[in-house]
């Protein structure tokens, strides 16, 4: 069926950059929204950024001005460009998508998660 495949995580020094990608594959009628969550050890999962069907974008306050979310509809792929990374950005980042997969049927999907570590 539908799956989300993430890539781009890794280890980066403070002030560095990473670009995360999440590609949705399968029988997808349309994309309602795609975005990114993150979860640090011992902390709640939080929404980082998302982009809606209208092209709207939203960011959590802690990443505004540093992260940029974008989407390539032809590839069913969402990206998260992360600049000026800080140690507090260290977390497992999860792609999330709300996808129309049938007539009047929209479902929520999660990627497997990709580790982002910001450390010297």
C-alpha atoms as a PDB file:
ATOM      1  CA  UNK A   1       0.000   0.000   0.000  1.00  0.00           C
ATOM      2  CA  UNK A   2       1.309   3.416   0.927  1.00  0.00           C
ATOM      3  CA  UNK A   3       4.651   3.965   2.546  1.00  0.00           C
ATOM      4  CA  UNK A   4       6.829   6.922   3.438  1.00  0.00           C
ATOM      5  CA  UNK A   5      10.577   6.635   2.957  1.00  0.00           C
ATOM      6  CA  UNK A   6      12.818   9.141   4.707  1.00  0.00           C
ATOM      7  CA  UNK A   7      16.419  10.082   4.085  1.00  0.00           C
ATOM      8  CA  UNK A   8      18.922  12.795   4.913  1.00  0.00           C
ATOM      9  CA  UNK A   9      19.444  12.383   8.629  1.00  0.00           C
ATOM     10  CA  UNK A  10      22.838  12.143  10.218  1.00  0.00           C
ATOM     11  CA  UNK A  11      25.417  13.841  12.376  1.00  0.00           C
ATOM     12  CA  UNK A  12      26.150  17.516  11.908  1.00  0.00           C
ATOM     13  CA  UNK A  13      28.076  20.155  13.839  1.00  0.00           C
ATOM     14  CA  UNK A  14      26.299  23.092  15.459  1.00  0.00           C
ATOM     15  CA  UNK A  15      25.601  25.727  12.846  1.00  0.00           C
ATOM     16  CA  UNK A  16      25.553  23.165  10.079  1.00  0.00           C
ATOM     17  CA  UNK A  17      22.782  22.123   7.736  1.00  0.00           C
ATOM     18  CA  UNK A  18      20.873  19.025   6.752  1.00  0.00           C
ATOM     19  CA  UNK A  19      18.165  18.384   4.209  1.00  0.00           C
ATOM     20  CA  UNK A  20      15.597  15.722   5.009  1.00  0.00           C
ATOM     21  CA  UNK A  21      13.507  14.074   2.327  1.00  0.00           C
ATOM     22  CA  UNK A  22      10.351  12.015   2.572  1.00  0.00           C
ATOM     23  CA  UNK A  23       8.902  10.296  -0.458  1.00  0.00           C
ATOM     24  CA  UNK A  24       5.417   8.834  -0.424  1.00  0.00           C
ATOM     25  CA  UNK A  25       4.739   5.887  -2.680  1.00  0.00           C
ATOM     26  CA  UNK A  26       1.772   3.697  -3.435  1.00  0.00           C
ATOM     27  CA  UNK A  27      -1.763   4.314  -4.538  1.00  0.00           C
ATOM     28  CA  UNK A  28      -2.206   7.976  -3.670  1.00  0.00           C
ATOM     29  CA  UNK A  29      -5.027  10.053  -5.049  1.00  0.00           C
ATOM     30  CA  UNK A  30      -3.793  13.330  -3.633  1.00  0.00           C
ATOM     31  CA  UNK A  31      -1.887  14.872  -0.768  1.00  0.00           C
ATOM     32  CA  UNK A  32      -3.800  16.702   1.917  1.00  0.00           C
ATOM     33  CA  UNK A  33      -0.774  17.604   3.993  1.00  0.00           C
ATOM     34  CA  UNK A  34       2.785  16.502   4.611  1.00  0.00           C
ATOM     35  CA  UNK A  35       5.095  17.483   7.386  1.00  0.00           C
ATOM     36  CA  UNK A  36       7.684  16.628   9.968  1.00  0.00           C
ATOM     37  CA  UNK A  37       7.580  15.783  13.647  1.00  0.00           C
ATOM     38  CA  UNK A  38      10.481  15.157  15.975  1.00  0.00           C
ATOM     39  CA  UNK A  39      10.986  13.393  19.268  1.00  0.00           C
ATOM     40  CA  UNK A  40      13.953  13.655  21.575  1.00  0.00           C
ATOM     41  CA  UNK A  41      14.623  10.965  24.197  1.00  0.00           C
ATOM     42  CA  UNK A  42      12.304  11.344  27.155  1.00  0.00           C
ATOM     43  CA  UNK A  43      10.308  14.100  25.487  1.00  0.00           C
ATOM     44  CA  UNK A  44       6.994  14.318  23.709  1.00  0.00           C
ATOM     45  CA  UNK A  45       6.782  14.180  19.966  1.00  0.00           C
ATOM     46  CA  UNK A  46       6.272  17.658  18.573  1.00  0.00           C
ATOM     47  CA  UNK A  47       5.244  19.079  15.252  1.00  0.00           C
ATOM     48  CA  UNK A  48       8.138  20.803  13.506  1.00  0.00           C
ATOM     49  CA  UNK A  49       6.646  21.945  10.221  1.00  0.00           C
ATOM     50  CA  UNK A  50       3.947  21.071   7.751  1.00  0.00           C
ATOM     51  CA  UNK A  51       2.634  22.137   4.394  1.00  0.00           C
ATOM     52  CA  UNK A  52      -1.024  21.903   3.466  1.00  0.00           C
ATOM     53  CA  UNK A  53      -2.837  21.236   0.239  1.00  0.00           C
ATOM     54  CA  UNK A  54      -3.084  24.947  -0.503  1.00  0.00           C
ATOM     55  CA  UNK A  55       0.667  25.350  -0.183  1.00  0.00           C
ATOM     56  CA  UNK A  56       0.443  26.897   3.240  1.00  0.00           C
ATOM     57  CA  UNK A  57       3.319  26.276   5.623  1.00  0.00           C
ATOM     58  CA  UNK A  58       3.570  26.312   9.382  1.00  0.00           C
ATOM     59  CA  UNK A  59       6.501  26.016  11.753  1.00  0.00           C
ATOM     60  CA  UNK A  60       6.988  25.602  15.435  1.00  0.00           C
ATOM     61  CA  UNK A  61       8.466  28.744  16.962  1.00  0.00           C
ATOM     62  CA  UNK A  62      11.811  27.182  17.802  1.00  0.00           C
ATOM     63  CA  UNK A  63      12.681  26.540  14.141  1.00  0.00           C
ATOM     64  CA  UNK A  64      11.249  29.617  12.458  1.00  0.00           C
ATOM     65  CA  UNK A  65      13.842  31.361  10.344  1.00  0.00           C
ATOM     66  CA  UNK A  66      16.087  28.299  10.331  1.00  0.00           C
ATOM     67  CA  UNK A  67      14.019  25.492   8.785  1.00  0.00           C
ATOM     68  CA  UNK A  68      12.164  25.517   5.489  1.00  0.00           C
ATOM     69  CA  UNK A  69       9.610  22.944   4.397  1.00  0.00           C
ATOM     70  CA  UNK A  70       8.840  22.412   0.729  1.00  0.00           C
ATOM     71  CA  UNK A  71       7.059  19.886  -1.427  1.00  0.00           C
ATOM     72  CA  UNK A  72       7.421  18.428  -4.893  1.00  0.00           C
ATOM     73  CA  UNK A  73       3.969  17.199  -5.805  1.00  0.00           C
ATOM     74  CA  UNK A  74       5.189  15.446  -8.949  1.00  0.00           C
ATOM     75  CA  UNK A  75       7.406  13.252  -6.784  1.00  0.00           C
ATOM     76  CA  UNK A  76       5.065  13.069  -3.784  1.00  0.00           C
ATOM     77  CA  UNK A  77       8.014  14.225  -1.752  1.00  0.00           C
ATOM     78  CA  UNK A  78       8.387  16.677   1.091  1.00  0.00           C
ATOM     79  CA  UNK A  79      11.674  18.237   2.158  1.00  0.00           C
ATOM     80  CA  UNK A  80      12.899  19.890   5.299  1.00  0.00           C
ATOM     81  CA  UNK A  81      15.894  22.157   4.859  1.00  0.00           C
ATOM     82  CA  UNK A  82      17.462  22.659   8.269  1.00  0.00           C
ATOM     83  CA  UNK A  83      19.996  25.443   8.668  1.00  0.00           C
ATOM     84  CA  UNK A  84      21.836  26.853  11.665  1.00  0.00           C
ATOM     85  CA  UNK A  85      21.296  23.627  13.532  1.00  0.00           C
ATOM     86  CA  UNK A  86      21.540  23.612  17.298  1.00  0.00           C
ATOM     87  CA  UNK A  87      22.168  20.761  19.748  1.00  0.00           C
ATOM     88  CA  UNK A  88      18.567  21.096  20.906  1.00  0.00           C
ATOM     89  CA  UNK A  89      17.466  20.085  17.413  1.00  0.00           C
ATOM     90  CA  UNK A  90      18.796  16.602  18.112  1.00  0.00           C
ATOM     91  CA  UNK A  91      15.915  14.156  17.791  1.00  0.00           C
ATOM     92  CA  UNK A  92      14.391  11.451  15.688  1.00  0.00           C
ATOM     93  CA  UNK A  93      12.541  13.175  12.882  1.00  0.00           C
ATOM     94  CA  UNK A  94       9.389  11.553  11.542  1.00  0.00           C
ATOM     95  CA  UNK A  95       7.684  12.280   8.273  1.00  0.00           C
ATOM     96  CA  UNK A  96       3.920  12.436   8.447  1.00  0.00           C
ATOM     97  CA  UNK A  97       1.402  12.608   5.648  1.00  0.00           C
ATOM     98  CA  UNK A  98      -2.338  12.893   5.354  1.00  0.00           C
ATOM     99  CA  UNK A  99      -3.151  11.277   2.035  1.00  0.00           C
ATOM    100  CA  UNK A 100      -6.303  10.729   0.069  1.00  0.00           C
ATOM    101  CA  UNK A 101      -6.141   7.037  -0.799  1.00  0.00           C
ATOM    102  CA  UNK A 102      -9.717   6.440  -1.898  1.00  0.00           C
ATOM    103  CA  UNK A 103     -13.006   8.117  -2.596  1.00  0.00           C
ATOM    104  CA  UNK A 104     -13.772  10.068   0.519  1.00  0.00           C
ATOM    105  CA  UNK A 105     -10.986   8.232   2.319  1.00  0.00           C
ATOM    106  CA  UNK A 106      -8.065  10.091   3.841  1.00  0.00           C
ATOM    107  CA  UNK A 107      -5.539   8.365   6.056  1.00  0.00           C
ATOM    108  CA  UNK A 108      -2.578   9.373   8.154  1.00  0.00           C
ATOM    109  CA  UNK A 109       0.831   7.783   7.545  1.00  0.00           C
ATOM    110  CA  UNK A 110       4.155   7.871   9.353  1.00  0.00           C
ATOM    111  CA  UNK A 111       7.672   7.347   8.178  1.00  0.00           C
ATOM    112  CA  UNK A 112      10.106   5.155  10.070  1.00  0.00           C
ATOM    113  CA  UNK A 113      12.024   8.075  11.515  1.00  0.00           C
ATOM    114  CA  UNK A 114      15.510   9.364  10.832  1.00  0.00           C
ATOM    115  CA  UNK A 115      18.030  10.379  13.472  1.00  0.00           C
ATOM    116  CA  UNK A 116      19.373  13.916  13.464  1.00  0.00           C
ATOM    117  CA  UNK A 117      22.238  14.560  15.841  1.00  0.00           C
ATOM    118  CA  UNK A 118      23.744  18.004  16.272  1.00  0.00           C
ATOM    119  CA  UNK A 119      26.969  17.790  18.207  1.00  0.00           C
ATOM    120  CA  UNK A 120      30.552  18.906  18.139  1.00  0.00           C
END
